[in-house]
Amino acid sequence: MTTGSWLVLVDLQRIFGEPTSQWFTPRFDDAAAGAVRLRELFPGRTALTRFLAPEIPAGAWVEYYQQWPFALDPANADLYDLVPALPPGDAVLIDRPTFGKWDAATRVALGGASDIILAGVSTDCCVLSTALAAADDGVRVRVVADACAGLSDADHRRALDVMALYGPLIEITTVEEILTERGLGR
């Protein structure tokens, strides 16, 4: 098992960041700016996740994609790219066709990580799903509130409040608190 925290940046992709996308997340740019600041603190210990639509949806996902057919259109494939501010570099890339990005394969890819700092979009979907799965797996999860964005400010706040109920497995923090922890705060 590794020591030290891993930074896991969830779904900071064009599909959620471009205002013309049907999945645009307001305040995406704020979350991405916080993620960029955090990434500098975790060289070689950053994971970037991407939500990718399956080639052929199965189960309940069939109905989901009937509501969002644009997401399966090959002409929109480039929308799944990470935003330019967060190039892969030395990061571990985690692609999943699911909201949650934490599973046994993710834990192995992160060298058995037991402590993650989580940021990204959307707070009320993929961040929440990832945080709960990691906590259930016994991982200490710190969600960086000001480096996340929800579908609305109210949804963002509700998701943070729900995750806070899982303390001490899940802790809500800020970019400044992480910077201070690493000796770089004000």
N, C-alpha and C. Protein backbone atom coordinates (compact mmCIF):
# COMPACT_ATOMS: atom_id res chain seq x y z
N MET A 1 0.85 -1.18 0.00
CA MET A 1 0.00 0.00 0.00
C MET A 1 0.89 1.24 0.00
N THR A 2 0.52 2.24 -0.79
CA THR A 2 1.32 3.46 -0.88
C THR A 2 1.04 4.38 0.29
N THR A 3 1.97 5.27 0.53
CA THR A 3 1.75 6.30 1.54
C THR A 3 1.62 7.63 0.83
N GLY A 4 0.93 8.56 1.44
CA GLY A 4 0.71 9.85 0.82
C GLY A 4 -0.59 9.89 0.04
N SER A 5 -1.09 11.07 -0.11
CA SER A 5 -2.37 11.27 -0.80
C SER A 5 -2.21 11.26 -2.31
N TRP A 6 -3.26 10.85 -2.95
CA TRP A 6 -3.39 10.98 -4.40
C TRP A 6 -4.45 12.04 -4.67
N LEU A 7 -4.25 12.82 -5.70
CA LEU A 7 -5.25 13.77 -6.19
C LEU A 7 -6.02 13.09 -7.31
N VAL A 8 -7.34 13.03 -7.17
CA VAL A 8 -8.19 12.45 -8.20
C VAL A 8 -9.10 13.55 -8.72
N LEU A 9 -8.90 13.91 -9.98
CA LEU A 9 -9.68 14.97 -10.63
C LEU A 9 -10.71 14.33 -11.54
N VAL A 10 -11.95 14.55 -11.20
CA VAL A 10 -13.07 13.84 -11.82
C VAL A 10 -13.67 14.62 -13.00
N ASP A 11 -13.56 14.01 -14.16
CA ASP A 11 -14.32 14.39 -15.36
C ASP A 11 -14.21 15.86 -15.77
N LEU A 12 -13.01 16.40 -15.73
CA LEU A 12 -12.81 17.79 -16.18
C LEU A 12 -12.61 17.77 -17.70
N GLN A 13 -13.72 17.55 -18.37
CA GLN A 13 -13.77 17.31 -19.81
C GLN A 13 -14.56 18.41 -20.51
N ARG A 14 -14.30 18.56 -21.79
CA ARG A 14 -14.99 19.57 -22.58
C ARG A 14 -16.51 19.39 -22.55
N ILE A 15 -16.99 18.16 -22.47
CA ILE A 15 -18.42 17.89 -22.51
C ILE A 15 -19.16 18.54 -21.33
N PHE A 16 -18.42 18.77 -20.23
CA PHE A 16 -19.01 19.42 -19.06
C PHE A 16 -18.60 20.89 -18.95
N GLY A 17 -17.60 21.29 -19.71
CA GLY A 17 -17.07 22.64 -19.59
C GLY A 17 -17.47 23.61 -20.67
N GLU A 18 -17.97 23.11 -21.79
CA GLU A 18 -18.34 24.01 -22.88
C GLU A 18 -19.80 24.41 -22.77
N PRO A 19 -20.05 25.71 -22.76
CA PRO A 19 -21.43 26.20 -22.58
C PRO A 19 -22.43 25.68 -23.61
N THR A 20 -21.96 25.27 -24.78
CA THR A 20 -22.88 24.76 -25.80
C THR A 20 -23.23 23.29 -25.62
N SER A 21 -22.53 22.61 -24.72
CA SER A 21 -22.80 21.19 -24.48
C SER A 21 -24.09 21.03 -23.66
N GLN A 22 -24.84 19.99 -23.98
CA GLN A 22 -26.05 19.70 -23.22
C GLN A 22 -25.75 19.29 -21.78
N TRP A 23 -24.50 18.93 -21.50
CA TRP A 23 -24.09 18.54 -20.15
C TRP A 23 -23.24 19.62 -19.49
N PHE A 24 -23.33 20.84 -19.95
CA PHE A 24 -22.54 21.93 -19.39
C PHE A 24 -22.81 22.08 -17.89
N THR A 25 -21.74 22.24 -17.13
CA THR A 25 -21.82 22.42 -15.68
C THR A 25 -21.44 23.85 -15.34
N PRO A 26 -22.41 24.66 -14.88
CA PRO A 26 -22.07 26.02 -14.47
C PRO A 26 -20.96 25.98 -13.41
N ARG A 27 -20.14 26.97 -13.40
CA ARG A 27 -18.98 27.10 -12.50
C ARG A 27 -17.89 26.06 -12.78
N PHE A 28 -17.98 25.43 -13.95
CA PHE A 28 -16.95 24.48 -14.36
C PHE A 28 -15.58 25.15 -14.34
N ASP A 29 -15.49 26.37 -14.86
CA ASP A 29 -14.20 27.05 -14.93
C ASP A 29 -13.60 27.27 -13.54
N ASP A 30 -14.45 27.55 -12.56
CA ASP A 30 -13.96 27.71 -11.18
C ASP A 30 -13.39 26.39 -10.65
N ALA A 31 -14.10 25.30 -10.90
CA ALA A 31 -13.62 23.99 -10.45
C ALA A 31 -12.31 23.65 -11.15
N ALA A 32 -12.22 23.89 -12.44
CA ALA A 32 -11.00 23.58 -13.19
C ALA A 32 -9.83 24.43 -12.69
N ALA A 33 -10.07 25.69 -12.36
CA ALA A 33 -9.00 26.54 -11.85
C ALA A 33 -8.47 26.01 -10.52
N GLY A 34 -9.37 25.57 -9.65
CA GLY A 34 -8.94 24.96 -8.39
C GLY A 34 -8.17 23.68 -8.62
N ALA A 35 -8.62 22.87 -9.58
CA ALA A 35 -7.95 21.62 -9.90
C ALA A 35 -6.53 21.87 -10.42
N VAL A 36 -6.36 22.89 -11.23
CA VAL A 36 -5.03 23.23 -11.75
C VAL A 36 -4.10 23.59 -10.59
N ARG A 37 -4.59 24.39 -9.65
CA ARG A 37 -3.77 24.76 -8.48
C ARG A 37 -3.38 23.53 -7.67
N LEU A 38 -4.31 22.61 -7.49
CA LEU A 38 -4.03 21.40 -6.72
C LEU A 38 -3.06 20.47 -7.44
N ARG A 39 -3.22 20.36 -8.74
CA ARG A 39 -2.40 19.41 -9.50
C ARG A 39 -0.91 19.69 -9.34
N GLU A 40 -0.55 20.93 -9.22
CA GLU A 40 0.86 21.29 -9.06
C GLU A 40 1.45 20.67 -7.80
N LEU A 41 0.60 20.35 -6.83
CA LEU A 41 1.07 19.81 -5.55
C LEU A 41 1.27 18.29 -5.57
N PHE A 42 0.83 17.63 -6.64
CA PHE A 42 0.82 16.17 -6.67
C PHE A 42 1.50 15.61 -7.92
N PRO A 43 2.73 16.02 -8.19
CA PRO A 43 3.40 15.45 -9.37
C PRO A 43 3.57 13.94 -9.20
N GLY A 44 3.17 13.20 -10.22
CA GLY A 44 3.28 11.75 -10.16
C GLY A 44 2.26 11.07 -9.27
N ARG A 45 1.35 11.85 -8.67
CA ARG A 45 0.32 11.28 -7.78
C ARG A 45 -1.04 11.91 -8.10
N THR A 46 -1.30 12.07 -9.40
CA THR A 46 -2.57 12.62 -9.85
C THR A 46 -3.24 11.62 -10.79
N ALA A 47 -4.54 11.47 -10.62
CA ALA A 47 -5.35 10.68 -11.54
C ALA A 47 -6.37 11.61 -12.18
N LEU A 48 -6.54 11.49 -13.47
CA LEU A 48 -7.55 12.24 -14.22
C LEU A 48 -8.57 11.24 -14.73
N THR A 49 -9.83 11.45 -14.38
CA THR A 49 -10.86 10.54 -14.84
C THR A 49 -11.63 11.15 -16.00
N ARG A 50 -12.18 10.28 -16.81
CA ARG A 50 -13.06 10.71 -17.89
C ARG A 50 -14.29 9.81 -17.91
N PHE A 51 -15.44 10.45 -18.01
CA PHE A 51 -16.69 9.73 -18.26
C PHE A 51 -16.74 9.51 -19.76
N LEU A 52 -16.86 8.25 -20.19
CA LEU A 52 -16.97 7.93 -21.60
C LEU A 52 -18.24 7.13 -21.85
N ALA A 53 -18.97 7.53 -22.86
CA ALA A 53 -20.18 6.79 -23.21
C ALA A 53 -19.79 5.43 -23.77
N PRO A 54 -20.57 4.41 -23.46
CA PRO A 54 -20.28 3.09 -24.01
C PRO A 54 -20.65 3.02 -25.49
N GLU A 55 -20.02 2.11 -26.21
CA GLU A 55 -20.40 1.93 -27.61
C GLU A 55 -21.85 1.51 -27.72
N ILE A 56 -22.24 0.55 -26.86
CA ILE A 56 -23.62 0.07 -26.85
C ILE A 56 -24.09 0.07 -25.41
N PRO A 57 -24.98 0.98 -25.06
CA PRO A 57 -25.49 1.03 -23.68
C PRO A 57 -26.26 -0.25 -23.35
N ALA A 58 -26.18 -0.63 -22.08
CA ALA A 58 -26.89 -1.83 -21.61
C ALA A 58 -27.64 -1.50 -20.33
N GLY A 59 -28.63 -2.30 -20.02
CA GLY A 59 -29.39 -2.13 -18.79
C GLY A 59 -30.07 -0.76 -18.73
N ALA A 60 -30.07 -0.17 -17.55
CA ALA A 60 -30.72 1.12 -17.34
C ALA A 60 -30.07 2.24 -18.15
N TRP A 61 -28.82 2.01 -18.59
CA TRP A 61 -28.14 3.03 -19.40
C TRP A 61 -28.81 3.21 -20.76
N VAL A 62 -29.55 2.22 -21.25
CA VAL A 62 -30.24 2.37 -22.53
C VAL A 62 -31.21 3.54 -22.46
N GLU A 63 -32.04 3.56 -21.43
CA GLU A 63 -33.00 4.65 -21.26
C GLU A 63 -32.29 5.99 -21.01
N TYR A 64 -31.21 5.94 -20.27
CA TYR A 64 -30.44 7.16 -20.00
C TYR A 64 -29.99 7.80 -21.31
N TYR A 65 -29.40 6.99 -22.18
CA TYR A 65 -28.89 7.55 -23.44
C TYR A 65 -29.99 7.86 -24.44
N GLN A 66 -31.18 7.31 -24.23
CA GLN A 66 -32.31 7.75 -25.05
C GLN A 66 -32.64 9.20 -24.74
N GLN A 67 -32.38 9.62 -23.50
CA GLN A 67 -32.60 11.02 -23.12
C GLN A 67 -31.45 11.92 -23.57
N TRP A 68 -30.28 11.35 -23.82
CA TRP A 68 -29.08 12.13 -24.18
C TRP A 68 -28.43 11.54 -25.43
N PRO A 69 -29.13 11.46 -26.56
CA PRO A 69 -28.56 10.81 -27.75
C PRO A 69 -27.30 11.51 -28.27
N PHE A 70 -27.14 12.80 -28.03
CA PHE A 70 -25.95 13.51 -28.50
C PHE A 70 -24.67 12.85 -27.94
N ALA A 71 -24.78 12.26 -26.75
CA ALA A 71 -23.60 11.70 -26.08
C ALA A 71 -23.08 10.45 -26.78
N LEU A 72 -23.89 9.83 -27.60
CA LEU A 72 -23.47 8.63 -28.34
C LEU A 72 -23.08 8.94 -29.78
N ASP A 73 -23.28 10.15 -30.23
CA ASP A 73 -22.99 10.54 -31.61
C ASP A 73 -21.48 10.63 -31.81
N PRO A 74 -20.91 9.82 -32.69
CA PRO A 74 -19.47 9.86 -32.93
C PRO A 74 -18.95 11.25 -33.32
N ALA A 75 -19.82 12.07 -33.88
CA ALA A 75 -19.42 13.44 -34.25
C ALA A 75 -19.07 14.27 -33.03
N ASN A 76 -19.53 13.85 -31.85
CA ASN A 76 -19.26 14.58 -30.61
C ASN A 76 -18.14 13.95 -29.78
N ALA A 77 -17.43 13.00 -30.33
CA ALA A 77 -16.42 12.26 -29.56
C ALA A 77 -15.37 13.17 -28.94
N ASP A 78 -15.00 14.25 -29.62
CA ASP A 78 -13.96 15.13 -29.07
C ASP A 78 -14.42 15.88 -27.82
N LEU A 79 -15.72 15.92 -27.56
CA LEU A 79 -16.22 16.55 -26.34
C LEU A 79 -15.76 15.79 -25.09
N TYR A 80 -15.39 14.53 -25.24
CA TYR A 80 -14.95 13.73 -24.10
C TYR A 80 -13.48 13.99 -23.73
N ASP A 81 -12.80 14.83 -24.51
CA ASP A 81 -11.41 15.17 -24.21
C ASP A 81 -11.33 15.97 -22.91
N LEU A 82 -10.20 15.81 -22.22
CA LEU A 82 -9.93 16.65 -21.05
C LEU A 82 -9.76 18.08 -21.51
N VAL A 83 -10.07 19.03 -20.63
CA VAL A 83 -9.88 20.43 -21.00
C VAL A 83 -8.38 20.70 -21.13
N PRO A 84 -8.01 21.65 -22.01
CA PRO A 84 -6.59 21.92 -22.25
C PRO A 84 -5.80 22.32 -21.00
N ALA A 85 -6.45 22.92 -20.01
CA ALA A 85 -5.75 23.34 -18.79
C ALA A 85 -5.25 22.15 -17.97
N LEU A 86 -5.74 20.95 -18.28
CA LEU A 86 -5.35 19.75 -17.52
C LEU A 86 -4.89 18.63 -18.47
N PRO A 87 -3.76 18.84 -19.14
CA PRO A 87 -3.26 17.79 -20.02
C PRO A 87 -2.83 16.57 -19.20
N PRO A 88 -2.88 15.39 -19.79
CA PRO A 88 -2.56 14.18 -19.04
C PRO A 88 -1.17 14.17 -18.40
N GLY A 89 -0.14 14.58 -19.14
CA GLY A 89 1.20 14.58 -18.57
C GLY A 89 1.52 13.26 -17.89
N ASP A 90 1.95 13.31 -16.62
CA ASP A 90 2.32 12.10 -15.88
C ASP A 90 1.15 11.51 -15.09
N ALA A 91 -0.05 12.01 -15.32
CA ALA A 91 -1.22 11.54 -14.56
C ALA A 91 -1.63 10.12 -14.98
N VAL A 92 -2.23 9.43 -14.03
CA VAL A 92 -2.88 8.15 -14.31
C VAL A 92 -4.24 8.49 -14.92
N LEU A 93 -4.56 7.89 -16.06
CA LEU A 93 -5.85 8.14 -16.72
C LEU A 93 -6.81 7.02 -16.37
N ILE A 94 -8.01 7.41 -15.96
CA ILE A 94 -9.04 6.46 -15.58
C ILE A 94 -10.29 6.77 -16.39
N ASP A 95 -10.62 5.90 -17.31
CA ASP A 95 -11.80 6.06 -18.15
C ASP A 95 -12.85 5.06 -17.72
N ARG A 96 -14.07 5.55 -17.51
CA ARG A 96 -15.16 4.67 -17.11
C ARG A 96 -16.46 5.13 -17.78
N PRO A 97 -17.35 4.20 -18.12
CA PRO A 97 -18.67 4.55 -18.66
C PRO A 97 -19.70 4.67 -17.53
N THR A 98 -19.23 4.95 -16.34
CA THR A 98 -20.10 5.03 -15.16
C THR A 98 -19.87 6.35 -14.45
N PHE A 99 -20.84 6.76 -13.64
CA PHE A 99 -20.70 7.99 -12.87
C PHE A 99 -19.55 7.87 -11.88
N GLY A 100 -19.54 6.81 -11.10
CA GLY A 100 -18.48 6.60 -10.13
C GLY A 100 -17.22 6.13 -10.82
N LYS A 101 -16.08 6.65 -10.37
CA LYS A 101 -14.81 6.27 -10.97
C LYS A 101 -13.96 5.42 -10.03
N TRP A 102 -14.47 5.12 -8.84
CA TRP A 102 -13.70 4.30 -7.90
C TRP A 102 -14.15 2.86 -7.97
N ASP A 103 -13.19 1.98 -8.21
CA ASP A 103 -13.42 0.55 -8.17
C ASP A 103 -12.09 -0.12 -7.89
N ALA A 104 -12.07 -1.43 -7.87
CA ALA A 104 -10.83 -2.15 -7.55
C ALA A 104 -9.71 -1.80 -8.53
N ALA A 105 -10.06 -1.65 -9.80
CA ALA A 105 -9.04 -1.32 -10.81
C ALA A 105 -8.45 0.07 -10.55
N THR A 106 -9.28 1.01 -10.12
CA THR A 106 -8.78 2.34 -9.81
C THR A 106 -7.81 2.28 -8.64
N ARG A 107 -8.19 1.54 -7.62
CA ARG A 107 -7.31 1.43 -6.44
C ARG A 107 -5.96 0.82 -6.83
N VAL A 108 -5.98 -0.19 -7.67
CA VAL A 108 -4.73 -0.80 -8.13
C VAL A 108 -3.92 0.21 -8.95
N ALA A 109 -4.59 0.94 -9.85
CA ALA A 109 -3.90 1.93 -10.69
C ALA A 109 -3.22 3.01 -9.85
N LEU A 110 -3.78 3.27 -8.66
CA LEU A 110 -3.21 4.27 -7.77
C LEU A 110 -2.34 3.62 -6.69
N GLY A 111 -1.86 2.44 -6.96
CA GLY A 111 -0.92 1.78 -6.07
C GLY A 111 -1.48 1.44 -4.70
N GLY A 112 -2.77 1.17 -4.62
CA GLY A 112 -3.39 0.84 -3.34
C GLY A 112 -3.67 2.05 -2.47
N ALA A 113 -3.89 3.18 -3.09
CA ALA A 113 -4.12 4.43 -2.37
C ALA A 113 -5.10 4.26 -1.21
N SER A 114 -4.75 4.86 -0.08
CA SER A 114 -5.62 4.82 1.09
C SER A 114 -6.12 6.20 1.48
N ASP A 115 -5.72 7.22 0.72
CA ASP A 115 -6.09 8.61 1.01
C ASP A 115 -6.15 9.35 -0.31
N ILE A 116 -7.34 9.89 -0.65
CA ILE A 116 -7.45 10.66 -1.89
C ILE A 116 -8.04 12.03 -1.62
N ILE A 117 -7.61 12.96 -2.44
CA ILE A 117 -8.17 14.30 -2.47
C ILE A 117 -8.94 14.37 -3.77
N LEU A 118 -10.22 14.68 -3.68
CA LEU A 118 -11.14 14.56 -4.80
C LEU A 118 -11.67 15.93 -5.20
N ALA A 119 -11.65 16.20 -6.50
CA ALA A 119 -12.20 17.45 -7.04
C ALA A 119 -12.73 17.17 -8.44
N GLY A 120 -13.57 18.07 -8.95
CA GLY A 120 -14.05 17.92 -10.32
C GLY A 120 -15.54 18.17 -10.43
N VAL A 121 -16.14 17.54 -11.45
CA VAL A 121 -17.55 17.73 -11.74
C VAL A 121 -18.22 16.37 -12.00
N SER A 122 -19.47 16.38 -11.87
CA SER A 122 -20.23 17.35 -11.11
C SER A 122 -20.36 16.83 -9.68
N THR A 123 -20.35 17.77 -8.77
CA THR A 123 -20.39 17.44 -7.35
C THR A 123 -21.54 16.49 -7.05
N ASP A 124 -22.68 16.75 -7.65
CA ASP A 124 -23.92 16.03 -7.37
C ASP A 124 -24.10 14.78 -8.21
N CYS A 125 -23.07 14.35 -8.91
CA CYS A 125 -23.17 13.13 -9.71
C CYS A 125 -21.88 12.34 -9.60
N CYS A 126 -20.92 12.60 -10.47
CA CYS A 126 -19.72 11.78 -10.55
C CYS A 126 -18.80 11.93 -9.34
N VAL A 127 -18.70 13.14 -8.79
CA VAL A 127 -17.87 13.32 -7.58
C VAL A 127 -18.50 12.57 -6.41
N LEU A 128 -19.79 12.75 -6.22
CA LEU A 128 -20.52 12.06 -5.15
C LEU A 128 -20.40 10.54 -5.29
N SER A 129 -20.64 10.02 -6.49
CA SER A 129 -20.57 8.58 -6.72
C SER A 129 -19.17 8.03 -6.46
N THR A 130 -18.16 8.77 -6.85
CA THR A 130 -16.78 8.35 -6.64
C THR A 130 -16.41 8.39 -5.17
N ALA A 131 -16.80 9.46 -4.49
CA ALA A 131 -16.48 9.61 -3.06
C ALA A 131 -17.10 8.49 -2.24
N LEU A 132 -18.36 8.17 -2.48
CA LEU A 132 -19.03 7.14 -1.69
C LEU A 132 -18.41 5.76 -1.92
N ALA A 133 -18.08 5.45 -3.18
CA ALA A 133 -17.47 4.15 -3.47
C ALA A 133 -16.09 4.04 -2.83
N ALA A 134 -15.30 5.11 -2.89
CA ALA A 134 -13.96 5.08 -2.28
C ALA A 134 -14.08 4.95 -0.77
N ALA A 135 -14.99 5.68 -0.16
CA ALA A 135 -15.18 5.59 1.29
C ALA A 135 -15.60 4.18 1.69
N ASP A 136 -16.51 3.59 0.93
CA ASP A 136 -16.93 2.21 1.20
C ASP A 136 -15.75 1.24 1.10
N ASP A 137 -14.77 1.59 0.28
CA ASP A 137 -13.58 0.75 0.10
C ASP A 137 -12.53 1.01 1.18
N GLY A 138 -12.87 1.88 2.15
CA GLY A 138 -11.96 2.13 3.25
C GLY A 138 -10.94 3.22 2.99
N VAL A 139 -11.15 4.00 1.95
CA VAL A 139 -10.23 5.07 1.59
C VAL A 139 -10.66 6.36 2.29
N ARG A 140 -9.69 7.09 2.83
CA ARG A 140 -9.98 8.42 3.36
C ARG A 140 -10.17 9.35 2.17
N VAL A 141 -11.30 10.06 2.14
CA VAL A 141 -11.65 10.92 1.01
C VAL A 141 -11.79 12.35 1.51
N ARG A 142 -11.07 13.24 0.85
CA ARG A 142 -11.24 14.67 1.12
C ARG A 142 -11.73 15.33 -0.16
N VAL A 143 -12.93 15.87 -0.10
CA VAL A 143 -13.56 16.52 -1.25
C VAL A 143 -13.28 18.01 -1.15
N VAL A 144 -12.67 18.56 -2.19
CA VAL A 144 -12.28 19.97 -2.21
C VAL A 144 -13.45 20.77 -2.78
N ALA A 145 -14.25 21.35 -1.89
CA ALA A 145 -15.51 21.99 -2.27
C ALA A 145 -15.34 23.06 -3.33
N ASP A 146 -14.31 23.90 -3.21
CA ASP A 146 -14.16 25.00 -4.16
C ASP A 146 -13.39 24.60 -5.42
N ALA A 147 -13.10 23.31 -5.57
CA ALA A 147 -12.55 22.78 -6.81
C ALA A 147 -13.52 21.77 -7.40
N CYS A 148 -14.78 21.90 -7.02
CA CYS A 148 -15.88 21.09 -7.56
C CYS A 148 -16.97 22.04 -8.05
N ALA A 149 -17.82 21.55 -8.93
CA ALA A 149 -18.97 22.32 -9.39
C ALA A 149 -20.13 21.36 -9.62
N GLY A 150 -21.32 21.82 -9.28
CA GLY A 150 -22.52 21.03 -9.47
C GLY A 150 -23.38 21.59 -10.59
N LEU A 151 -24.49 20.93 -10.83
CA LEU A 151 -25.39 21.40 -11.88
C LEU A 151 -26.05 22.72 -11.52
N SER A 152 -26.06 23.02 -10.23
CA SER A 152 -26.48 24.34 -9.75
C SER A 152 -25.77 24.54 -8.41
N ASP A 153 -25.76 25.77 -7.93
CA ASP A 153 -25.15 26.02 -6.63
C ASP A 153 -25.87 25.23 -5.54
N ALA A 154 -27.20 25.15 -5.64
CA ALA A 154 -27.96 24.41 -4.63
C ALA A 154 -27.64 22.92 -4.67
N ASP A 155 -27.53 22.34 -5.88
CA ASP A 155 -27.19 20.93 -6.01
C ASP A 155 -25.78 20.65 -5.49
N HIS A 156 -24.86 21.55 -5.78
CA HIS A 156 -23.49 21.45 -5.29
C HIS A 156 -23.49 21.40 -3.76
N ARG A 157 -24.19 22.33 -3.14
CA ARG A 157 -24.24 22.41 -1.68
C ARG A 157 -24.88 21.16 -1.07
N ARG A 158 -25.99 20.71 -1.69
CA ARG A 158 -26.66 19.51 -1.18
C ARG A 158 -25.75 18.29 -1.24
N ALA A 159 -25.01 18.15 -2.34
CA ALA A 159 -24.10 17.01 -2.47
C ALA A 159 -22.99 17.08 -1.43
N LEU A 160 -22.45 18.27 -1.21
CA LEU A 160 -21.42 18.42 -0.17
C LEU A 160 -21.98 18.07 1.20
N ASP A 161 -23.20 18.52 1.47
CA ASP A 161 -23.84 18.22 2.76
C ASP A 161 -24.04 16.72 2.95
N VAL A 162 -24.45 16.03 1.89
CA VAL A 162 -24.63 14.58 1.97
C VAL A 162 -23.30 13.90 2.24
N MET A 163 -22.26 14.29 1.50
CA MET A 163 -20.96 13.65 1.70
C MET A 163 -20.42 13.91 3.10
N ALA A 164 -20.69 15.09 3.65
CA ALA A 164 -20.23 15.42 5.00
C ALA A 164 -20.84 14.48 6.04
N LEU A 165 -22.00 13.93 5.74
CA LEU A 165 -22.65 12.98 6.66
C LEU A 165 -21.82 11.71 6.83
N TYR A 166 -20.91 11.45 5.91
CA TYR A 166 -20.10 10.23 5.94
C TYR A 166 -18.80 10.39 6.70
N GLY A 167 -18.63 11.53 7.38
CA GLY A 167 -17.43 11.73 8.19
C GLY A 167 -17.33 10.65 9.25
N PRO A 168 -16.16 10.26 9.60
CA PRO A 168 -14.87 10.80 9.19
C PRO A 168 -14.32 10.18 7.91
N LEU A 169 -15.08 9.29 7.25
CA LEU A 169 -14.59 8.69 6.00
C LEU A 169 -14.45 9.73 4.89
N ILE A 170 -15.39 10.68 4.86
CA ILE A 170 -15.35 11.76 3.87
C ILE A 170 -15.29 13.08 4.61
N GLU A 171 -14.36 13.92 4.21
CA GLU A 171 -14.20 15.25 4.80
C GLU A 171 -14.31 16.28 3.68
N ILE A 172 -14.98 17.39 3.97
CA ILE A 172 -15.07 18.48 3.00
C ILE A 172 -13.98 19.49 3.35
N THR A 173 -13.23 19.91 2.34
CA THR A 173 -12.11 20.82 2.55
C THR A 173 -12.10 21.87 1.44
N THR A 174 -11.06 22.69 1.40
CA THR A 174 -10.91 23.74 0.38
C THR A 174 -9.51 23.68 -0.21
N VAL A 175 -9.34 24.36 -1.32
CA VAL A 175 -8.01 24.45 -1.94
C VAL A 175 -7.03 25.06 -0.94
N GLU A 176 -7.43 26.14 -0.28
CA GLU A 176 -6.54 26.81 0.66
C GLU A 176 -6.12 25.88 1.80
N GLU A 177 -7.04 25.07 2.29
CA GLU A 177 -6.69 24.13 3.37
C GLU A 177 -5.68 23.09 2.88
N ILE A 178 -5.80 22.63 1.66
CA ILE A 178 -4.83 21.67 1.11
C ILE A 178 -3.48 22.36 0.93
N LEU A 179 -3.49 23.58 0.42
CA LEU A 179 -2.25 24.34 0.27
C LEU A 179 -1.56 24.53 1.62
N THR A 180 -2.34 24.89 2.64
CA THR A 180 -1.78 25.10 3.98
C THR A 180 -1.20 23.81 4.53
N GLU A 181 -1.90 22.71 4.33
CA GLU A 181 -1.44 21.40 4.78
C GLU A 181 -0.07 21.07 4.17
N ARG A 182 0.14 21.52 2.95
CA ARG A 182 1.39 21.24 2.23
C ARG A 182 2.43 22.36 2.41
N GLY A 183 2.11 23.27 3.35
CA GLY A 183 3.06 24.35 3.66
C GLY A 183 3.10 25.47 2.64
N LEU A 184 2.04 25.59 1.83
CA LEU A 184 2.01 26.60 0.79
C LEU A 184 0.88 27.61 0.93
N GLY A 185 0.15 27.54 2.02
CA GLY A 185 -0.98 28.44 2.23
C GLY A 185 -0.53 29.83 2.61
N ARG A 186 -1.49 30.68 2.74
CA ARG A 186 -1.21 32.09 3.08
C ARG A 186 -0.37 32.24 4.26
